C-alpha atoms as a PDB file:
ATOM      1  CA  MET A   1       0.000   0.000   0.000  1.00  0.00           C
ATOM      2  CA  ILE A   2       2.932   2.355   0.608  1.00  0.00           C
ATOM      3  CA  TYR A   3       3.985   1.741  -2.962  1.00  0.00           C
ATOM      4  CA  LEU A   4       0.498   2.643  -4.220  1.00  0.00           C
ATOM      5  CA  TYR A   5       0.475   5.967  -2.479  1.00  0.00           C
ATOM      6  CA  ARG A   6       3.901   6.831  -3.830  1.00  0.00           C
ATOM      7  CA  MET A   7       2.713   6.271  -7.372  1.00  0.00           C
ATOM      8  CA  ASP A   8       1.481   9.122  -9.493  1.00  0.00           C
ATOM      9  CA  SER A   9      -2.264   9.527  -8.918  1.00  0.00           C
ATOM     10  CA  SER A  10      -2.872   9.643 -12.648  1.00  0.00           C
ATOM     11  CA  SER A  11      -0.985   6.432 -13.420  1.00  0.00           C
ATOM     12  CA  PRO A  12      -3.021   3.471 -14.764  1.00  0.00           C
ATOM     13  CA  ALA A  13      -1.683   1.200 -11.988  1.00  0.00           C
ATOM     14  CA  ARG A  14      -2.896   3.617  -9.310  1.00  0.00           C
ATOM     15  CA  ARG A  15      -6.368   3.865 -10.827  1.00  0.00           C
ATOM     16  CA  ILE A  16      -6.668   0.072 -11.088  1.00  0.00           C
ATOM     17  CA  ALA A  17      -5.498  -0.398  -7.514  1.00  0.00           C
ATOM     18  CA  ARG A  18      -7.927   2.203  -6.162  1.00  0.00           C
ATOM     19  CA  ALA A  19     -10.810   0.374  -7.858  1.00  0.00           C
ATOM     20  CA  ALA A  20      -9.644  -3.076  -6.812  1.00  0.00           C
ATOM     21  CA  VAL A  21      -9.185  -2.462  -3.073  1.00  0.00           C
ATOM     22  CA  PRO A  22     -12.863  -1.634  -2.301  1.00  0.00           C
ATOM     23  CA  ALA A  23     -13.949  -4.622  -4.375  1.00  0.00           C
ATOM     24  CA  LEU A  24     -11.606  -6.885  -2.395  1.00  0.00           C
ATOM     25  CA  VAL A  25     -12.926  -5.532   0.903  1.00  0.00           C
ATOM     26  CA  LEU A  26     -16.518  -6.080  -0.250  1.00  0.00           C
ATOM     27  CA  ALA A  27     -15.725  -9.628  -1.359  1.00  0.00           C
ATOM     28  CA  CYS A  28     -14.189 -10.440   2.033  1.00  0.00           C
ATOM     29  CA  GLY A  29     -17.251  -9.043   3.789  1.00  0.00           C
ATOM     30  CA  VAL A  30     -19.556 -11.200   1.688  1.00  0.00           C
ATOM     31  CA  CYS A  31     -17.511 -14.386   1.998  1.00  0.00           C
ATOM     32  CA  ALA A  32     -17.024 -14.247   5.767  1.00  0.00           C
ATOM     33  CA  PRO A  33     -20.717 -14.801   6.638  1.00  0.00           C
ATOM     34  CA  LEU A  34     -20.878 -17.600   4.091  1.00  0.00           C
ATOM     35  CA  VAL A  35     -17.955 -19.383   5.750  1.00  0.00           C
ATOM     36  CA  GLY A  36     -19.616 -18.968   9.155  1.00  0.00           C
ATOM     37  CA  ALA A  37     -22.941 -20.226   7.812  1.00  0.00           C
ATOM     38  CA  ALA A  38     -21.272 -23.403   6.555  1.00  0.00           C
ATOM     39  CA  LYS A  39     -20.410 -24.298  10.161  1.00  0.00           C
ATOM     40  CA  LYS A  40     -23.769 -23.430  11.665  1.00  0.00           C
ATOM     41  CA  TRP A  41     -25.204 -26.016  14.075  1.00  0.00           C
ATOM     42  CA  PRO A  42     -27.940 -28.045  12.308  1.00  0.00           C
ATOM     43  CA  ALA A  43     -31.494 -27.282  13.389  1.00  0.00           C
ATOM     44  CA  PRO A  44     -33.263 -30.206  15.142  1.00  0.00           C
ATOM     45  CA  ALA A  45     -35.852 -31.481  12.678  1.00  0.00           C
ATOM     46  CA  LEU A  46     -37.105 -34.898  11.672  1.00  0.00           C
ATOM     47  CA  PRO A  47     -36.848 -35.736   7.946  1.00  0.00           C
ATOM     48  CA  ALA A  48     -40.087 -35.811   6.013  1.00  0.00           C
ATOM     49  CA  GLY A  49     -39.531 -39.450   5.062  1.00  0.00           C
ATOM     50  CA  GLU A  50     -37.511 -42.364   6.340  1.00  0.00           C
ATOM     51  CA  ALA A  51     -33.811 -42.402   5.487  1.00  0.00           C
ATOM     52  CA  PRO A  52     -31.172 -45.110   5.853  1.00  0.00           C
ATOM     53  CA  SER A  53     -29.061 -44.915   9.011  1.00  0.00           C
ATOM     54  CA  ALA A  54     -25.531 -46.081   9.719  1.00  0.00           C
ATOM     55  CA  GLY A  55     -26.539 -48.172  12.736  1.00  0.00           C
ATOM     56  CA  GLY A  56     -24.339 -46.567  15.398  1.00  0.00           C
ATOM     57  CA  ALA A  57     -24.832 -46.649  19.160  1.00  0.00           C
ATOM     58  CA  ALA A  58     -27.281 -43.749  19.087  1.00  0.00           C
ATOM     59  CA  GLU A  59     -29.483 -45.460  16.509  1.00  0.00           C
ATOM     60  CA  ARG A  60     -29.511 -48.684  18.531  1.00  0.00           C
ATOM     61  CA  LEU A  61     -30.615 -46.816  21.643  1.00  0.00           C
ATOM     62  CA  ILE A  62     -33.418 -45.093  19.715  1.00  0.00           C
ATOM     63  CA  THR A  63     -34.592 -48.470  18.419  1.00  0.00           C
ATOM     64  CA  GLU A  64     -34.438 -49.930  21.941  1.00  0.00           C
ATOM     65  CA  ALA A  65     -36.501 -47.050  23.330  1.00  0.00           C
ATOM     66  CA  ALA A  66     -39.190 -47.692  20.690  1.00  0.00           C
ATOM     67  CA  ALA A  67     -39.256 -51.462  21.232  1.00  0.00           C
ATOM     68  CA  GLY A  68     -42.636 -52.847  22.212  1.00  0.00           C
ATOM     69  CA  SER A  69     -44.534 -49.950  20.655  1.00  0.00           C
ATOM     70  CA  GLY A  70     -45.282 -50.748  17.054  1.00  0.00           C
ATOM     71  CA  ASP A  71     -46.699 -47.299  16.375  1.00  0.00           C
ATOM     72  CA  LEU A  72     -43.308 -45.750  17.244  1.00  0.00           C
ATOM     73  CA  ALA A  73     -41.307 -47.766  14.717  1.00  0.00           C
ATOM     74  CA  GLN A  74     -41.655 -45.278  11.872  1.00  0.00           C
ATOM     75  CA  VAL A  75     -40.767 -42.217  13.913  1.00  0.00           C
ATOM     76  CA  ALA A  76     -37.858 -44.164  15.433  1.00  0.00           C
ATOM     77  CA  ARG A  77     -36.433 -44.763  11.960  1.00  0.00           C
ATOM     78  CA  ARG A  78     -36.733 -41.040  11.206  1.00  0.00           C
ATOM     79  CA  ALA A  79     -35.007 -40.174  14.477  1.00  0.00           C
ATOM     80  CA  ALA A  80     -32.246 -42.666  13.691  1.00  0.00           C
ATOM     81  CA  ALA A  81     -31.743 -40.907  10.363  1.00  0.00           C
ATOM     82  CA  VAL A  82     -31.286 -37.621  12.260  1.00  0.00           C
ATOM     83  CA  ALA A  83     -28.651 -39.263  14.478  1.00  0.00           C
ATOM     84  CA  SER A  84     -26.762 -40.640  11.474  1.00  0.00           C
ATOM     85  CA  SER A  85     -26.868 -37.332   9.645  1.00  0.00           C
ATOM     86  CA  PHE A  86     -25.698 -35.395  12.682  1.00  0.00           C
ATOM     87  CA  ARG A  87     -22.825 -37.828  13.321  1.00  0.00           C
ATOM     88  CA  ARG A  88     -21.526 -37.257   9.793  1.00  0.00           C
ATOM     89  CA  TRP A  89     -21.782 -33.494  10.281  1.00  0.00           C
ATOM     90  CA  ALA A  90     -20.087 -33.641  13.695  1.00  0.00           C
ATOM     91  CA  ARG A  91     -17.126 -35.647  12.409  1.00  0.00           C
ATOM     92  CA  GLU A  92     -16.543 -32.985   9.782  1.00  0.00           C
ATOM     93  CA  HIS A  93     -17.070 -29.853  11.904  1.00  0.00           C
ATOM     94  CA  LEU A  94     -16.453 -30.832  15.547  1.00  0.00           C
ATOM     95  CA  ARG A  95     -12.857 -31.955  15.482  1.00  0.00           C
ATOM     96  CA  GLY A  96     -11.708 -32.051  19.108  1.00  0.00           C
ATOM     97  CA  PRO A  97      -8.142 -31.938  20.441  1.00  0.00           C
ATOM     98  CA  ASP A  98      -5.912 -34.921  19.805  1.00  0.00           C
ATOM     99  CA  PHE A  99      -3.765 -35.664  22.828  1.00  0.00           C
ATOM    100  CA  ALA A 100      -2.581 -38.363  25.196  1.00  0.00           C
ATOM    101  CA  ASP A 101      -1.545 -38.153  28.828  1.00  0.00           C
ATOM    102  CA  ALA A 102       2.107 -37.175  29.202  1.00  0.00           C
ATOM    103  CA  GLU A 103       2.601 -39.522  32.162  1.00  0.00           C
ATOM    104  CA  PRO A 104      -0.161 -42.137  32.052  1.00  0.00           C
ATOM    105  CA  PRO A 105      -0.960 -44.166  35.155  1.00  0.00           C
ATOM    106  CA  ALA A 106       0.668 -47.577  35.259  1.00  0.00           C
ATOM    107  CA  PRO A 107      -1.572 -50.508  34.252  1.00  0.00           C
ATOM    108  CA  GLY A 108      -3.179 -52.137  37.270  1.00  0.00           C
ATOM    109  CA  GLY A 109      -2.613 -50.856  40.748  1.00  0.00           C
ATOM    110  CA  TRP A 110      -4.634 -48.063  42.317  1.00  0.00           C
ATOM    111  CA  ALA A 111      -5.561 -46.375  39.019  1.00  0.00           C
ATOM    112  CA  ALA A 112      -7.215 -49.494  37.605  1.00  0.00           C
ATOM    113  CA  ARG A 113      -9.197 -49.929  40.823  1.00  0.00           C
ATOM    114  CA  ALA A 114     -10.239 -46.283  41.022  1.00  0.00           C
ATOM    115  CA  ALA A 115     -11.489 -45.836  37.450  1.00  0.00           C
ATOM    116  CA  PRO A 116     -14.605 -48.106  37.683  1.00  0.00           C
ATOM    117  CA  ARG A 117     -15.590 -46.580  41.031  1.00  0.00           C
ATOM    118  CA  LEU A 118     -15.250 -43.042  39.655  1.00  0.00           C
ATOM    119  CA  ALA A 119     -17.256 -44.021  36.552  1.00  0.00           C
ATOM    120  CA  ALA A 120     -20.083 -45.304  38.770  1.00  0.00           C
ATOM    121  CA  GLU A 121     -20.013 -42.143  40.886  1.00  0.00           C
ATOM    122  CA  GLU A 122     -20.026 -39.989  37.760  1.00  0.00           C
ATOM    123  CA  ALA A 123     -23.053 -41.859  36.362  1.00  0.00           C
ATOM    124  CA  ALA A 124     -24.920 -41.320  39.639  1.00  0.00           C
ATOM    125  CA  ALA A 125     -24.020 -37.624  39.611  1.00  0.00           C
ATOM    126  CA  LEU A 126     -25.140 -37.239  35.990  1.00  0.00           C
ATOM    127  CA  ARG A 127     -28.506 -38.814  36.767  1.00  0.00           C
ATOM    128  CA  ALA A 128     -28.952 -36.593  39.813  1.00  0.00           C
ATOM    129  CA  ALA A 129     -28.051 -33.478  37.815  1.00  0.00           C
ATOM    130  CA  LEU A 130     -30.485 -34.265  35.001  1.00  0.00           C
ATOM    131  CA  THR A 131     -33.378 -34.768  37.419  1.00  0.00           C
ATOM    132  CA  ALA A 132     -32.480 -31.898  39.766  1.00  0.00           C
ATOM    133  CA  PRO A 133     -34.664 -28.776  40.093  1.00  0.00           C
ATOM    134  CA  ASP A 134     -33.440 -25.716  38.217  1.00  0.00           C
ATOM    135  CA  ASP A 135     -32.198 -23.957  41.352  1.00  0.00           C
ATOM    136  CA  VAL A 136     -29.667 -26.711  42.131  1.00  0.00           C
ATOM    137  CA  ALA A 137     -28.793 -27.875  38.604  1.00  0.00           C
ATOM    138  CA  LYS A 138     -25.578 -25.836  38.448  1.00  0.00           C
ATOM    139  CA  ALA A 139     -24.352 -27.207  41.775  1.00  0.00           C
ATOM    140  CA  ARG A 140     -25.038 -30.758  40.564  1.00  0.00           C
ATOM    141  CA  ALA A 141     -23.222 -29.989  37.293  1.00  0.00           C
ATOM    142  CA  LYS A 142     -20.147 -28.925  39.287  1.00  0.00           C
ATOM    143  CA  GLN A 143     -20.196 -32.270  41.075  1.00  0.00           C
ATOM    144  CA  VAL A 144     -20.374 -34.091  37.731  1.00  0.00           C
ATOM    145  CA  LEU A 145     -17.338 -32.168  36.508  1.00  0.00           C
ATOM    146  CA  ARG A 146     -15.331 -32.824  39.668  1.00  0.00           C
ATOM    147  CA  LEU A 147     -15.896 -36.555  39.263  1.00  0.00           C
ATOM    148  CA  ARG A 148     -15.296 -36.450  35.515  1.00  0.00           C
ATOM    149  CA  PHE A 149     -11.878 -34.816  35.770  1.00  0.00           C
ATOM    150  CA  ARG A 150     -10.855 -37.102  38.622  1.00  0.00           C
ATOM    151  CA  ARG A 151     -11.813 -40.041  36.419  1.00  0.00           C
ATOM    152  CA  ILE A 152      -9.937 -38.632  33.404  1.00  0.00           C
ATOM    153  CA  ALA A 153      -6.827 -38.266  35.564  1.00  0.00           C
ATOM    154  CA  VAL A 154      -6.629 -42.014  36.290  1.00  0.00           C
ATOM    155  CA  LEU A 155      -7.312 -43.295  32.767  1.00  0.00           C
ATOM    156  CA  ARG A 156      -4.450 -44.700  30.720  1.00  0.00           C
ATOM    157  CA  ALA A 157      -2.913 -42.827  27.805  1.00  0.00           C
ATOM    158  CA  GLY A 158      -5.354 -42.361  24.945  1.00  0.00           C
ATOM    159  CA  GLU A 159      -8.334 -43.767  26.844  1.00  0.00           C
ATOM    160  CA  SER A 160      -9.585 -40.361  27.927  1.00  0.00           C
ATOM    161  CA  ALA A 161      -9.343 -38.923  24.398  1.00  0.00           C
ATOM    162  CA  ALA A 162     -11.118 -41.972  22.935  1.00  0.00           C
ATOM    163  CA  LEU A 163     -13.925 -41.773  25.509  1.00  0.00           C
ATOM    164  CA  ARG A 164     -14.492 -38.060  24.972  1.00  0.00           C
ATOM    165  CA  ALA A 165     -14.360 -38.324  21.173  1.00  0.00           C
ATOM    166  CA  ALA A 166     -16.971 -41.107  21.285  1.00  0.00           C
ATOM    167  CA  GLU A 167     -19.147 -38.988  23.587  1.00  0.00           C
ATOM    168  CA  ARG A 168     -18.922 -36.139  21.105  1.00  0.00           C
ATOM    169  CA  ASP A 169     -19.837 -38.340  18.123  1.00  0.00           C
ATOM    170  CA  GLU A 170     -22.401 -40.764  19.565  1.00  0.00           C
ATOM    171  CA  GLY A 171     -23.688 -38.635  22.440  1.00  0.00           C
ATOM    172  CA  LEU A 172     -24.368 -35.609  20.266  1.00  0.00           C
ATOM    173  CA  ALA A 173     -25.982 -37.824  17.620  1.00  0.00           C
ATOM    174  CA  LEU A 174     -28.438 -39.116  20.241  1.00  0.00           C
ATOM    175  CA  HIS A 175     -28.930 -35.590  21.600  1.00  0.00           C
ATOM    176  CA  ALA A 176     -29.734 -34.272  18.101  1.00  0.00           C
ATOM    177  CA  ALA A 177     -32.313 -37.003  17.529  1.00  0.00           C
ATOM    178  CA  LEU A 178     -33.869 -36.395  20.953  1.00  0.00           C
ATOM    179  CA  ARG A 179     -34.164 -32.651  20.361  1.00  0.00           C
ATOM    180  CA  ALA A 180     -35.644 -33.256  16.913  1.00  0.00           C
ATOM    181  CA  LEU A 181     -38.277 -35.548  18.435  1.00  0.00           C
ATOM    182  CA  GLU A 182     -39.124 -33.009  21.127  1.00  0.00           C
ATOM    183  CA  ALA A 183     -39.514 -30.255  18.525  1.00  0.00           C
ATOM    184  CA  ALA A 184     -41.724 -32.354  16.218  1.00  0.00           C
ATOM    185  CA  GLU A 185     -45.496 -32.204  16.099  1.00  0.00           C
ATOM    186  CA  GLY A 186     -47.854 -35.104  16.654  1.00  0.00           C
ATOM    187  CA  ARG A 187     -48.104 -37.705  19.410  1.00  0.00           C
ATOM    188  CA  GLU A 188     -45.557 -40.340  18.447  1.00  0.00           C
ATOM    189  CA  ALA A 189     -42.443 -38.137  18.420  1.00  0.00           C
ATOM    190  CA  PRO A 190     -42.914 -36.729  21.971  1.00  0.00           C
ATOM    191  CA  ARG A 191     -43.698 -40.243  23.227  1.00  0.00           C
ATOM    192  CA  LEU A 192     -40.459 -41.585  21.799  1.00  0.00           C
ATOM    193  CA  ALA A 193     -38.552 -38.603  23.217  1.00  0.00           C
ATOM    194  CA  ARG A 194     -39.874 -39.413  26.692  1.00  0.00           C
ATOM    195  CA  ALA A 195     -38.951 -43.081  26.231  1.00  0.00           C
ATOM    196  CA  ILE A 196     -35.387 -42.118  25.252  1.00  0.00           C
ATOM    197  CA  ARG A 197     -35.036 -39.894  28.325  1.00  0.00           C
ATOM    198  CA  GLU A 198     -36.349 -42.703  30.540  1.00  0.00           C
ATOM    199  CA  LEU A 199     -33.927 -45.170  28.955  1.00  0.00           C
ATOM    200  CA  LEU A 200     -31.057 -42.730  29.472  1.00  0.00           C
ATOM    201  CA  LEU A 201     -31.866 -42.389  33.191  1.00  0.00           C
ATOM    202  CA  GLU A 202     -32.258 -46.158  33.550  1.00  0.00           C
ATOM    203  CA  ARG A 203     -28.851 -46.759  31.970  1.00  0.00           C
ATOM    204  CA  LEU A 204     -27.198 -44.184  34.217  1.00  0.00           C
ATOM    205  CA  GLU A 205     -28.797 -45.785  37.281  1.00  0.00           C
ATOM    206  CA  ALA A 206     -27.538 -49.212  36.213  1.00  0.00           C
ATOM    207  CA  ALA A 207     -24.029 -47.826  35.683  1.00  0.00           C
ATOM    208  CA  ALA A 208     -24.153 -46.178  39.102  1.00  0.00           C
ATOM    209  CA  SER A 209     -25.040 -49.579  40.575  1.00  0.00           C
ATOM    210  CA  GLY A 210     -21.880 -51.181  39.176  1.00  0.00           C
ATOM    211  CA  ASP A 211     -22.640 -52.061  35.536  1.00  0.00           C
ATOM    212  CA  PRO A 212     -20.214 -49.848  33.544  1.00  0.00           C
ATOM    213  CA  ALA A 213     -21.358 -51.247  30.195  1.00  0.00           C
ATOM    214  CA  ALA A 214     -24.880 -49.904  30.794  1.00  0.00           C
ATOM    215  CA  ALA A 215     -23.868 -46.305  30.128  1.00  0.00           C
ATOM    216  CA  GLY A 216     -21.592 -46.123  27.111  1.00  0.00           C
ATOM    217  CA  PRO A 217     -20.372 -42.916  25.449  1.00  0.00           C
ATOM    218  CA  ALA A 218     -23.708 -42.360  23.685  1.00  0.00           C
ATOM    219  CA  ILE A 219     -25.461 -42.245  27.070  1.00  0.00           C
ATOM    220  CA  THR A 220     -22.887 -40.161  28.950  1.00  0.00           C
ATOM    221  CA  GLY A 221     -22.332 -37.841  25.986  1.00  0.00           C
ATOM    222  CA  CYS A 222     -26.046 -37.205  25.559  1.00  0.00           C
ATOM    223  CA  ALA A 223     -26.389 -36.662  29.316  1.00  0.00           C
ATOM    224  CA  LEU A 224     -23.565 -34.099  29.285  1.00  0.00           C
ATOM    225  CA  ALA A 225     -25.203 -32.280  26.359  1.00  0.00           C
ATOM    226  CA  LEU A 226     -28.598 -32.239  28.076  1.00  0.00           C
ATOM    227  CA  LEU A 227     -26.949 -30.896  31.225  1.00  0.00           C
ATOM    228  CA  ALA A 228     -25.210 -28.203  29.163  1.00  0.00           C
ATOM    229  CA  ASP A 229     -28.617 -27.250  27.750  1.00  0.00           C
ATOM    230  CA  ARG A 230     -29.683 -26.435  31.305  1.00  0.00           C
ATOM    231  CA  VAL A 231     -26.631 -24.641  32.692  1.00  0.00           C
ATOM    232  CA  ARG A 232     -24.564 -23.415  29.736  1.00  0.00           C
ATOM    233  CA  PRO A 233     -26.672 -21.551  27.144  1.00  0.00           C
ATOM    234  CA  GLY A 234     -24.710 -21.106  23.932  1.00  0.00           C
ATOM    235  CA  TRP A 235     -22.525 -24.162  24.464  1.00  0.00           C
ATOM    236  CA  ARG A 236     -23.094 -25.420  20.906  1.00  0.00           C
ATOM    237  CA  GLN A 237     -21.368 -22.490  19.254  1.00  0.00           C
ATOM    238  CA  GLU A 238     -18.528 -22.699  21.768  1.00  0.00           C
ATOM    239  CA  LEU A 239     -18.047 -26.377  20.951  1.00  0.00           C
ATOM    240  CA  LEU A 240     -18.194 -25.591  17.252  1.00  0.00           C
ATOM    241  CA  GLY A 241     -15.846 -22.624  17.419  1.00  0.00           C
ATOM    242  CA  ARG A 242     -13.196 -23.906  19.838  1.00  0.00           C
ATOM    243  CA  GLY A 243     -12.963 -27.627  19.065  1.00  0.00           C
ATOM    244  CA  LEU A 244     -13.382 -28.902  22.631  1.00  0.00           C
ATOM    245  CA  PHE A 245     -14.895 -31.941  24.274  1.00  0.00           C
ATOM    246  CA  LEU A 246     -18.309 -31.920  25.964  1.00  0.00           C
ATOM    247  CA  ASP A 247     -16.962 -31.967  29.506  1.00  0.00           C
ATOM    248  CA  THR A 248     -14.576 -29.052  28.898  1.00  0.00           C
ATOM    249  CA  VAL A 249     -17.344 -27.034  27.245  1.00  0.00           C
ATOM    250  CA  LEU A 250     -19.578 -27.726  30.242  1.00  0.00           C
ATOM    251  CA  ALA A 251     -16.792 -26.601  32.584  1.00  0.00           C
ATOM    252  CA  GLY A 252     -16.122 -23.297  30.830  1.00  0.00           C
ATOM    253  CA  PRO A 253     -14.904 -20.683  30.256  1.00  0.00           C
ATOM    254  CA  PRO A 254     -16.935 -18.920  31.404  1.00  0.00           C
ATOM    255  CA  ASN A 255     -17.101 -21.240  34.376  1.00  0.00           C
ATOM    256  CA  ILE A 256     -20.339 -22.424  35.913  1.00  0.00           C
ATOM    257  CA  ARG A 257     -21.195 -19.952  38.675  1.00  0.00           C
END
C-alpha cells in the first residue's frame, strides 16, 4: 500500500489499484458470513420421510426405546436418520483436540481400581443433575465435573481422548435425535422422546449400581449435552468454534457460577 500511495495519482496502476481495493474488501465481507454459515449447528428437525441410518450406538438406543410400541417404529427410523446425519456433520465440523496423557498411570494398581468406582459415581451424579430442580442444577453440574476430571486423571494414555471423542460423536448424535423428536409435532415423536429420556436415566442408574457397560459414550455424551442445555446456554457455538470436548465445554470458560 505504501507503494500505491507513492505512485502518481494519474498512473493506470494507481487507478486500477484504487478500484480493486474496495472490491476486495466487499468480497471479504460477503464471503465471511458464508464461511460462518457453513459451520452453523444443524437445526433439530425430523426428515419428512424415512432415510437409511448407519446403525451406530445412538441409533440402537433409539430403536431400543421404541421397542414394544409398534406405532413408534416409523418415527424411530426417522429419528435414527437424524442421528446418522448429525454424526456425519459432527465428524466434519467438531474436530476435538488430539492428545494423550504425558505420564499415564501404570496398568493395574490403584488407578485401575479407582477408574470403575469413579465411573459409577459420575453416572450417579449425571442422573442426579439431570433430574435436579433448576435452582440446584448448576451445583449438581459442578459435582459431575469434579468426578469427571478425577476419572480422566486415572485413565491410561489415549483412553480419555477416545472416551471423549466417542461422547462427542455418539452422544451428540443421540442428543440431536432427541431434540428433533421433542420439537416435532404429533403424538408419536414426543412419546419416543420421553422413552429415550427414561432409557437414558435407567442406563445411568444401572451404571451407578456397578454395571459400567450400561452407560456407554452415547449415554454419557447425551447426558452431558442435556446438562449443558440447562446450565450453559450457547454451548453449541462454543463447541463448534473452539474444538473442545463436551466436559470441557460444560466446565467453561466462562465457568459455571
